[in-house]
Amino acid sequence: MGTAGVVAYGLLPALALTLTLAAGYLKWQESTVQGAELAQTESLQAAKDAVAALLSYQPDTAEQELAAAQNLLTGDFKAEYARLTEEVVIPAAKQQKIGAQATVPAAASISAAPDHAVALVLVNQTVTVGADAPTDTASSIRVSMQKVDGRWLISDFTPV
């Protein structure tokens, strides 16, 4: 076999295989980056919406609003939130006529993967007790999100 035969039967197939593997790797890497970017976008929006819902309620509807907010949670945090709202927040809201309205002026992704993400969420909350003047507070919260059945849910909520 001459030099042309070595090139035709040995080197060209090896080169074609190498190019195919490289193209496959680049396509996989592109889809991984796109998946992380999608997770970041979706989880960040879900974190902003969920934090506002968790921290907003009116005295007459606190029970319904806070129960609905539990659907935005998962794991141990869901159980902790349910206990806190049922034992403390809802009774206080009804007895003392406490209402709260939370908004999220800013949020940033700390990390994002296809099924787990962490965000830093800045929250402004206005609380009204009875006929007293409202009080405003600002805080920041580290929110861990878990993707469960296609939905981003809060799995941890840590004020920072």
N, C-alpha and C. Protein backbone atom coordinates (compact mmCIF):
# COMPACT_ATOMS: atom_id res chain seq x y z
N MET A 1 0.86 -1.17 0.00
CA MET A 1 0.00 0.00 0.00
C MET A 1 0.90 1.22 0.00
N GLY A 2 0.58 2.18 -0.84
CA GLY A 2 1.39 3.37 -0.95
C GLY A 2 0.93 4.45 0.01
N THR A 3 1.57 5.59 -0.11
CA THR A 3 1.25 6.71 0.76
C THR A 3 -0.20 7.14 0.58
N ALA A 4 -0.69 7.12 -0.65
CA ALA A 4 -2.08 7.50 -0.91
C ALA A 4 -3.03 6.54 -0.23
N GLY A 5 -2.71 5.26 -0.18
CA GLY A 5 -3.56 4.27 0.49
C GLY A 5 -3.59 4.48 1.99
N VAL A 6 -2.43 4.82 2.59
CA VAL A 6 -2.39 5.07 4.04
C VAL A 6 -3.26 6.28 4.37
N VAL A 7 -3.17 7.33 3.54
CA VAL A 7 -3.97 8.52 3.77
C VAL A 7 -5.45 8.21 3.59
N ALA A 8 -5.78 7.49 2.50
CA ALA A 8 -7.18 7.21 2.18
C ALA A 8 -7.83 6.27 3.20
N TYR A 9 -7.13 5.23 3.63
CA TYR A 9 -7.73 4.23 4.50
C TYR A 9 -7.41 4.38 5.99
N GLY A 10 -6.44 5.18 6.32
CA GLY A 10 -6.05 5.33 7.72
C GLY A 10 -6.25 6.72 8.27
N LEU A 11 -5.67 7.67 7.66
CA LEU A 11 -5.67 9.03 8.19
C LEU A 11 -7.01 9.74 7.99
N LEU A 12 -7.64 9.61 6.83
CA LEU A 12 -8.90 10.29 6.58
C LEU A 12 -10.02 9.79 7.50
N PRO A 13 -10.21 8.49 7.68
CA PRO A 13 -11.25 8.05 8.63
C PRO A 13 -10.97 8.52 10.07
N ALA A 14 -9.71 8.51 10.46
CA ALA A 14 -9.36 8.98 11.81
C ALA A 14 -9.66 10.47 11.94
N LEU A 15 -9.37 11.24 10.91
CA LEU A 15 -9.65 12.67 10.92
C LEU A 15 -11.17 12.91 10.94
N ALA A 16 -11.91 12.15 10.16
CA ALA A 16 -13.37 12.29 10.14
C ALA A 16 -13.96 11.95 11.51
N LEU A 17 -13.46 10.90 12.16
CA LEU A 17 -13.93 10.53 13.48
C LEU A 17 -13.61 11.63 14.49
N THR A 18 -12.42 12.19 14.43
CA THR A 18 -12.02 13.26 15.34
C THR A 18 -12.91 14.49 15.16
N LEU A 19 -13.19 14.86 13.91
CA LEU A 19 -14.06 16.01 13.64
C LEU A 19 -15.48 15.75 14.12
N THR A 20 -15.98 14.55 13.94
CA THR A 20 -17.33 14.20 14.41
C THR A 20 -17.41 14.28 15.92
N LEU A 21 -16.40 13.74 16.60
CA LEU A 21 -16.37 13.80 18.06
C LEU A 21 -16.28 15.25 18.55
N ALA A 22 -15.47 16.06 17.89
CA ALA A 22 -15.34 17.47 18.28
C ALA A 22 -16.66 18.21 18.07
N ALA A 23 -17.33 17.95 16.96
CA ALA A 23 -18.61 18.60 16.70
C ALA A 23 -19.65 18.17 17.74
N GLY A 24 -19.66 16.90 18.08
CA GLY A 24 -20.59 16.40 19.11
C GLY A 24 -20.32 17.04 20.46
N TYR A 25 -19.06 17.16 20.82
CA TYR A 25 -18.69 17.79 22.10
C TYR A 25 -19.13 19.25 22.12
N LEU A 26 -18.90 19.98 21.06
CA LEU A 26 -19.29 21.39 21.00
C LEU A 26 -20.80 21.54 21.07
N LYS A 27 -21.54 20.65 20.41
CA LYS A 27 -23.00 20.70 20.48
C LYS A 27 -23.48 20.41 21.90
N TRP A 28 -22.87 19.42 22.56
CA TRP A 28 -23.23 19.10 23.95
C TRP A 28 -22.93 20.28 24.86
N GLN A 29 -21.75 20.89 24.67
CA GLN A 29 -21.38 22.04 25.50
C GLN A 29 -22.34 23.20 25.28
N GLU A 30 -22.74 23.44 24.04
CA GLU A 30 -23.70 24.51 23.73
C GLU A 30 -25.04 24.25 24.42
N SER A 31 -25.52 23.00 24.36
CA SER A 31 -26.81 22.70 24.99
C SER A 31 -26.70 22.80 26.50
N THR A 32 -25.55 22.46 27.07
CA THR A 32 -25.35 22.59 28.52
C THR A 32 -25.39 24.06 28.93
N VAL A 33 -24.73 24.91 28.17
CA VAL A 33 -24.73 26.35 28.46
C VAL A 33 -26.14 26.91 28.32
N GLN A 34 -26.84 26.52 27.25
CA GLN A 34 -28.21 26.99 27.06
C GLN A 34 -29.12 26.51 28.18
N GLY A 35 -28.93 25.27 28.64
CA GLY A 35 -29.71 24.73 29.74
C GLY A 35 -29.48 25.51 31.02
N ALA A 36 -28.23 25.86 31.29
CA ALA A 36 -27.91 26.64 32.49
C ALA A 36 -28.49 28.05 32.39
N GLU A 37 -28.42 28.65 31.22
CA GLU A 37 -28.99 29.99 31.03
C GLU A 37 -30.51 29.97 31.21
N LEU A 38 -31.16 28.94 30.68
CA LEU A 38 -32.61 28.82 30.84
C LEU A 38 -32.96 28.61 32.30
N ALA A 39 -32.21 27.74 32.98
CA ALA A 39 -32.44 27.51 34.41
C ALA A 39 -32.26 28.80 35.20
N GLN A 40 -31.25 29.57 34.85
CA GLN A 40 -30.99 30.82 35.55
C GLN A 40 -32.17 31.78 35.36
N THR A 41 -32.63 31.95 34.15
CA THR A 41 -33.74 32.86 33.86
C THR A 41 -35.03 32.42 34.54
N GLU A 42 -35.37 31.15 34.38
CA GLU A 42 -36.62 30.63 34.95
C GLU A 42 -36.60 30.64 36.48
N SER A 43 -35.50 30.19 37.07
CA SER A 43 -35.44 30.11 38.53
C SER A 43 -35.42 31.49 39.16
N LEU A 44 -34.77 32.44 38.53
CA LEU A 44 -34.72 33.80 39.06
C LEU A 44 -36.11 34.44 39.07
N GLN A 45 -36.85 34.28 37.98
CA GLN A 45 -38.21 34.82 37.93
C GLN A 45 -39.10 34.13 38.96
N ALA A 46 -38.97 32.82 39.07
CA ALA A 46 -39.77 32.07 40.05
C ALA A 46 -39.42 32.51 41.48
N ALA A 47 -38.15 32.75 41.75
CA ALA A 47 -37.73 33.20 43.09
C ALA A 47 -38.35 34.56 43.41
N LYS A 48 -38.30 35.48 42.46
CA LYS A 48 -38.86 36.82 42.69
C LYS A 48 -40.36 36.74 42.96
N ASP A 49 -41.07 35.98 42.14
CA ASP A 49 -42.52 35.86 42.31
C ASP A 49 -42.87 35.18 43.63
N ALA A 50 -42.15 34.11 43.95
CA ALA A 50 -42.47 33.34 45.15
C ALA A 50 -42.16 34.13 46.42
N VAL A 51 -41.05 34.83 46.46
CA VAL A 51 -40.70 35.61 47.66
C VAL A 51 -41.76 36.67 47.91
N ALA A 52 -42.19 37.35 46.87
CA ALA A 52 -43.24 38.37 47.04
C ALA A 52 -44.52 37.73 47.59
N ALA A 53 -44.88 36.55 47.08
CA ALA A 53 -46.10 35.88 47.54
C ALA A 53 -45.97 35.40 48.99
N LEU A 54 -44.80 34.89 49.36
CA LEU A 54 -44.60 34.38 50.72
C LEU A 54 -44.72 35.46 51.78
N LEU A 55 -44.36 36.68 51.41
CA LEU A 55 -44.29 37.77 52.38
C LEU A 55 -45.43 38.78 52.25
N SER A 56 -46.48 38.44 51.49
CA SER A 56 -47.60 39.35 51.28
C SER A 56 -48.90 38.70 51.73
N TYR A 57 -49.67 39.44 52.52
CA TYR A 57 -50.98 38.95 52.98
C TYR A 57 -51.77 40.10 53.58
N GLN A 58 -53.07 39.92 53.64
CA GLN A 58 -53.97 40.89 54.25
C GLN A 58 -54.67 40.23 55.43
N PRO A 59 -55.07 40.99 56.44
CA PRO A 59 -55.65 40.38 57.65
C PRO A 59 -56.82 39.44 57.37
N ASP A 60 -57.72 39.83 56.48
CA ASP A 60 -58.93 39.04 56.23
C ASP A 60 -58.69 37.84 55.32
N THR A 61 -57.59 37.84 54.58
CA THR A 61 -57.34 36.76 53.62
C THR A 61 -56.00 36.06 53.85
N ALA A 62 -55.38 36.32 55.00
CA ALA A 62 -54.06 35.76 55.27
C ALA A 62 -54.04 34.24 55.17
N GLU A 63 -55.05 33.60 55.69
CA GLU A 63 -55.09 32.14 55.68
C GLU A 63 -55.05 31.60 54.25
N GLN A 64 -55.86 32.15 53.37
CA GLN A 64 -55.89 31.70 51.98
C GLN A 64 -54.61 32.06 51.24
N GLU A 65 -54.14 33.29 51.43
CA GLU A 65 -52.95 33.75 50.71
C GLU A 65 -51.71 32.95 51.11
N LEU A 66 -51.54 32.72 52.41
CA LEU A 66 -50.35 32.02 52.88
C LEU A 66 -50.43 30.52 52.59
N ALA A 67 -51.63 29.97 52.58
CA ALA A 67 -51.79 28.57 52.18
C ALA A 67 -51.45 28.41 50.69
N ALA A 68 -51.88 29.35 49.87
CA ALA A 68 -51.56 29.31 48.45
C ALA A 68 -50.05 29.45 48.22
N ALA A 69 -49.40 30.25 49.04
CA ALA A 69 -47.96 30.45 48.91
C ALA A 69 -47.20 29.16 49.20
N GLN A 70 -47.77 28.27 50.01
CA GLN A 70 -47.12 26.99 50.31
C GLN A 70 -46.91 26.17 49.04
N ASN A 71 -47.73 26.38 48.02
CA ASN A 71 -47.57 25.65 46.76
C ASN A 71 -46.33 26.07 45.99
N LEU A 72 -45.64 27.10 46.47
CA LEU A 72 -44.41 27.58 45.84
C LEU A 72 -43.17 27.04 46.55
N LEU A 73 -43.37 26.12 47.50
CA LEU A 73 -42.30 25.63 48.35
C LEU A 73 -42.16 24.12 48.23
N THR A 74 -41.00 23.61 48.69
CA THR A 74 -40.76 22.18 48.70
C THR A 74 -39.88 21.80 49.88
N GLY A 75 -39.87 20.53 50.20
CA GLY A 75 -38.96 19.99 51.21
C GLY A 75 -39.25 20.48 52.62
N ASP A 76 -38.21 20.49 53.44
CA ASP A 76 -38.32 20.89 54.83
C ASP A 76 -38.80 22.33 54.98
N PHE A 77 -38.39 23.19 54.05
CA PHE A 77 -38.81 24.58 54.16
C PHE A 77 -40.32 24.72 54.05
N LYS A 78 -40.96 23.91 53.22
CA LYS A 78 -42.42 23.96 53.08
C LYS A 78 -43.08 23.65 54.42
N ALA A 79 -42.59 22.64 55.11
CA ALA A 79 -43.16 22.27 56.42
C ALA A 79 -42.91 23.36 57.45
N GLU A 80 -41.71 23.95 57.45
CA GLU A 80 -41.39 25.03 58.40
C GLU A 80 -42.29 26.24 58.16
N TYR A 81 -42.46 26.61 56.90
CA TYR A 81 -43.29 27.77 56.55
C TYR A 81 -44.74 27.52 56.97
N ALA A 82 -45.24 26.31 56.70
CA ALA A 82 -46.62 25.98 57.07
C ALA A 82 -46.82 26.11 58.58
N ARG A 83 -45.89 25.59 59.34
CA ARG A 83 -45.99 25.65 60.80
C ARG A 83 -45.95 27.09 61.27
N LEU A 84 -45.00 27.88 60.77
CA LEU A 84 -44.87 29.28 61.18
C LEU A 84 -46.12 30.09 60.83
N THR A 85 -46.61 29.93 59.63
CA THR A 85 -47.78 30.72 59.24
C THR A 85 -49.03 30.30 60.02
N GLU A 86 -49.21 29.00 60.24
CA GLU A 86 -50.41 28.53 60.95
C GLU A 86 -50.37 28.87 62.44
N GLU A 87 -49.19 28.78 63.05
CA GLU A 87 -49.09 29.00 64.50
C GLU A 87 -48.88 30.46 64.89
N VAL A 88 -48.25 31.24 64.02
CA VAL A 88 -47.87 32.60 64.41
C VAL A 88 -48.49 33.67 63.49
N VAL A 89 -48.19 33.59 62.22
CA VAL A 89 -48.53 34.69 61.31
C VAL A 89 -50.05 34.86 61.14
N ILE A 90 -50.75 33.80 60.82
CA ILE A 90 -52.20 33.92 60.57
C ILE A 90 -52.95 34.36 61.82
N PRO A 91 -52.70 33.75 62.99
CA PRO A 91 -53.40 34.25 64.19
C PRO A 91 -53.11 35.73 64.48
N ALA A 92 -51.84 36.14 64.33
CA ALA A 92 -51.49 37.54 64.58
C ALA A 92 -52.15 38.46 63.55
N ALA A 93 -52.17 38.04 62.29
CA ALA A 93 -52.79 38.85 61.25
C ALA A 93 -54.27 39.09 61.55
N LYS A 94 -54.95 38.05 61.99
CA LYS A 94 -56.38 38.17 62.30
C LYS A 94 -56.62 38.99 63.57
N GLN A 95 -55.88 38.69 64.62
CA GLN A 95 -56.12 39.36 65.91
C GLN A 95 -55.70 40.82 65.91
N GLN A 96 -54.53 41.10 65.31
CA GLN A 96 -53.99 42.45 65.36
C GLN A 96 -54.20 43.23 64.06
N LYS A 97 -54.91 42.62 63.13
CA LYS A 97 -55.18 43.25 61.82
C LYS A 97 -53.87 43.64 61.12
N ILE A 98 -52.98 42.66 60.98
CA ILE A 98 -51.68 42.89 60.34
C ILE A 98 -51.78 42.51 58.87
N GLY A 99 -51.28 43.41 58.04
CA GLY A 99 -51.19 43.16 56.61
C GLY A 99 -49.78 43.46 56.14
N ALA A 100 -49.34 42.74 55.13
CA ALA A 100 -47.99 42.96 54.60
C ALA A 100 -48.03 42.90 53.08
N GLN A 101 -47.24 43.77 52.47
CA GLN A 101 -47.11 43.78 51.02
C GLN A 101 -45.63 43.80 50.68
N ALA A 102 -45.16 42.77 49.98
CA ALA A 102 -43.75 42.68 49.61
C ALA A 102 -43.57 42.87 48.12
N THR A 103 -42.50 43.59 47.77
CA THR A 103 -42.11 43.73 46.38
C THR A 103 -40.64 43.37 46.27
N VAL A 104 -40.24 42.97 45.08
CA VAL A 104 -38.86 42.57 44.83
C VAL A 104 -38.28 43.52 43.79
N PRO A 105 -37.52 44.53 44.25
CA PRO A 105 -36.95 45.49 43.30
C PRO A 105 -35.75 44.95 42.52
N ALA A 106 -35.09 43.91 43.06
CA ALA A 106 -33.91 43.38 42.37
C ALA A 106 -33.63 41.96 42.84
N ALA A 107 -33.01 41.19 41.96
CA ALA A 107 -32.60 39.83 42.29
C ALA A 107 -31.45 39.47 41.37
N ALA A 108 -30.58 38.58 41.86
CA ALA A 108 -29.44 38.14 41.06
C ALA A 108 -29.23 36.66 41.27
N SER A 109 -28.84 36.01 40.21
CA SER A 109 -28.56 34.58 40.28
C SER A 109 -27.16 34.37 40.86
N ILE A 110 -27.06 33.48 41.83
CA ILE A 110 -25.75 33.11 42.39
C ILE A 110 -25.23 31.89 41.64
N SER A 111 -26.12 30.91 41.42
CA SER A 111 -25.74 29.72 40.66
C SER A 111 -27.00 29.13 40.06
N ALA A 112 -26.82 28.39 38.96
CA ALA A 112 -27.98 27.77 38.32
C ALA A 112 -27.53 26.51 37.59
N ALA A 113 -28.29 25.46 37.79
CA ALA A 113 -28.13 24.20 37.09
C ALA A 113 -29.53 23.78 36.64
N PRO A 114 -29.66 22.77 35.82
CA PRO A 114 -30.99 22.41 35.32
C PRO A 114 -32.03 22.08 36.40
N ASP A 115 -31.61 21.64 37.60
CA ASP A 115 -32.60 21.29 38.61
C ASP A 115 -32.39 21.96 39.96
N HIS A 116 -31.41 22.84 40.07
CA HIS A 116 -31.15 23.53 41.34
C HIS A 116 -30.56 24.91 41.03
N ALA A 117 -31.00 25.90 41.80
CA ALA A 117 -30.49 27.26 41.60
C ALA A 117 -30.49 28.00 42.93
N VAL A 118 -29.65 29.01 43.01
CA VAL A 118 -29.58 29.86 44.20
C VAL A 118 -29.59 31.31 43.72
N ALA A 119 -30.39 32.13 44.40
CA ALA A 119 -30.50 33.55 44.02
C ALA A 119 -30.42 34.41 45.27
N LEU A 120 -30.01 35.64 45.08
CA LEU A 120 -30.06 36.67 46.11
C LEU A 120 -31.19 37.61 45.73
N VAL A 121 -32.17 37.74 46.62
CA VAL A 121 -33.37 38.52 46.33
C VAL A 121 -33.46 39.69 47.31
N LEU A 122 -33.61 40.89 46.77
CA LEU A 122 -33.80 42.08 47.61
C LEU A 122 -35.30 42.33 47.72
N VAL A 123 -35.76 42.54 48.96
CA VAL A 123 -37.19 42.66 49.22
C VAL A 123 -37.49 43.95 49.96
N ASN A 124 -38.52 44.64 49.52
CA ASN A 124 -39.10 45.76 50.26
C ASN A 124 -40.46 45.28 50.77
N GLN A 125 -40.69 45.44 52.07
CA GLN A 125 -41.96 45.00 52.64
C GLN A 125 -42.58 46.13 53.45
N THR A 126 -43.84 46.37 53.19
CA THR A 126 -44.61 47.35 53.94
C THR A 126 -45.59 46.60 54.82
N VAL A 127 -45.52 46.85 56.13
CA VAL A 127 -46.39 46.17 57.09
C VAL A 127 -47.28 47.20 57.76
N THR A 128 -48.57 46.87 57.84
CA THR A 128 -49.54 47.73 58.51
C THR A 128 -50.17 46.93 59.65
N VAL A 129 -50.19 47.54 60.84
CA VAL A 129 -50.81 46.92 62.01
C VAL A 129 -52.00 47.78 62.40
N GLY A 130 -53.20 47.23 62.21
CA GLY A 130 -54.41 47.97 62.54
C GLY A 130 -54.47 49.30 61.81
N ALA A 131 -54.74 50.35 62.57
CA ALA A 131 -54.85 51.69 61.99
C ALA A 131 -53.53 52.46 62.06
N ASP A 132 -52.47 51.81 62.55
CA ASP A 132 -51.17 52.48 62.65
C ASP A 132 -50.60 52.79 61.27
N ALA A 133 -49.67 53.72 61.25
CA ALA A 133 -48.99 54.05 59.99
C ALA A 133 -48.16 52.85 59.52
N PRO A 134 -48.11 52.63 58.23
CA PRO A 134 -47.31 51.51 57.70
C PRO A 134 -45.83 51.69 58.01
N THR A 135 -45.13 50.57 58.16
CA THR A 135 -43.67 50.60 58.32
C THR A 135 -43.05 49.86 57.15
N ASP A 136 -41.96 50.40 56.68
CA ASP A 136 -41.26 49.81 55.54
C ASP A 136 -39.94 49.20 56.00
N THR A 137 -39.64 48.02 55.48
CA THR A 137 -38.34 47.39 55.75
C THR A 137 -37.78 46.86 54.44
N ALA A 138 -36.48 46.86 54.38
CA ALA A 138 -35.79 46.29 53.22
C ALA A 138 -34.89 45.18 53.74
N SER A 139 -34.84 44.09 53.00
CA SER A 139 -33.99 42.98 53.40
C SER A 139 -33.49 42.25 52.17
N SER A 140 -32.51 41.40 52.39
CA SER A 140 -32.01 40.55 51.32
C SER A 140 -32.10 39.10 51.79
N ILE A 141 -32.42 38.23 50.85
CA ILE A 141 -32.67 36.83 51.17
C ILE A 141 -31.94 35.95 50.16
N ARG A 142 -31.27 34.95 50.68
CA ARG A 142 -30.66 33.93 49.82
C ARG A 142 -31.71 32.83 49.65
N VAL A 143 -32.12 32.60 48.42
CA VAL A 143 -33.19 31.67 48.12
C VAL A 143 -32.63 30.50 47.30
N SER A 144 -32.82 29.29 47.81
CA SER A 144 -32.45 28.09 47.06
C SER A 144 -33.71 27.58 46.37
N MET A 145 -33.57 27.24 45.11
CA MET A 145 -34.70 26.77 44.31
C MET A 145 -34.41 25.34 43.84
N GLN A 146 -35.45 24.54 43.80
CA GLN A 146 -35.36 23.16 43.32
C GLN A 146 -36.42 22.99 42.24
N LYS A 147 -36.04 22.37 41.13
CA LYS A 147 -37.02 22.13 40.07
C LYS A 147 -37.70 20.80 40.37
N VAL A 148 -39.02 20.86 40.57
CA VAL A 148 -39.82 19.68 40.92
C VAL A 148 -40.98 19.60 39.93
N ASP A 149 -41.05 18.51 39.19
CA ASP A 149 -42.13 18.31 38.21
C ASP A 149 -42.26 19.51 37.27
N GLY A 150 -41.13 20.04 36.84
CA GLY A 150 -41.14 21.15 35.88
C GLY A 150 -41.36 22.52 36.46
N ARG A 151 -41.50 22.62 37.80
CA ARG A 151 -41.73 23.92 38.45
C ARG A 151 -40.57 24.24 39.38
N TRP A 152 -40.15 25.50 39.39
CA TRP A 152 -39.13 25.95 40.33
C TRP A 152 -39.80 26.30 41.66
N LEU A 153 -39.37 25.62 42.73
CA LEU A 153 -39.94 25.82 44.06
C LEU A 153 -38.84 26.18 45.04
N ILE A 154 -39.18 26.99 46.04
CA ILE A 154 -38.20 27.38 47.06
C ILE A 154 -37.97 26.21 48.00
N SER A 155 -36.70 25.85 48.17
CA SER A 155 -36.34 24.78 49.10
C SER A 155 -35.61 25.31 50.34
N ASP A 156 -35.14 26.55 50.27
CA ASP A 156 -34.49 27.16 51.42
C ASP A 156 -34.60 28.67 51.28
N PHE A 157 -34.70 29.35 52.42
CA PHE A 157 -34.98 30.79 52.46
C PHE A 157 -34.19 31.33 53.64
N THR A 158 -33.08 32.01 53.36
CA THR A 158 -32.19 32.47 54.45
C THR A 158 -31.96 33.97 54.35
N PRO A 159 -32.46 34.75 55.31
CA PRO A 159 -32.14 36.18 55.32
C PRO A 159 -30.63 36.37 55.48
N VAL A 160 -30.10 37.33 54.76
CA VAL A 160 -28.66 37.62 54.85
C VAL A 160 -28.43 39.10 55.14
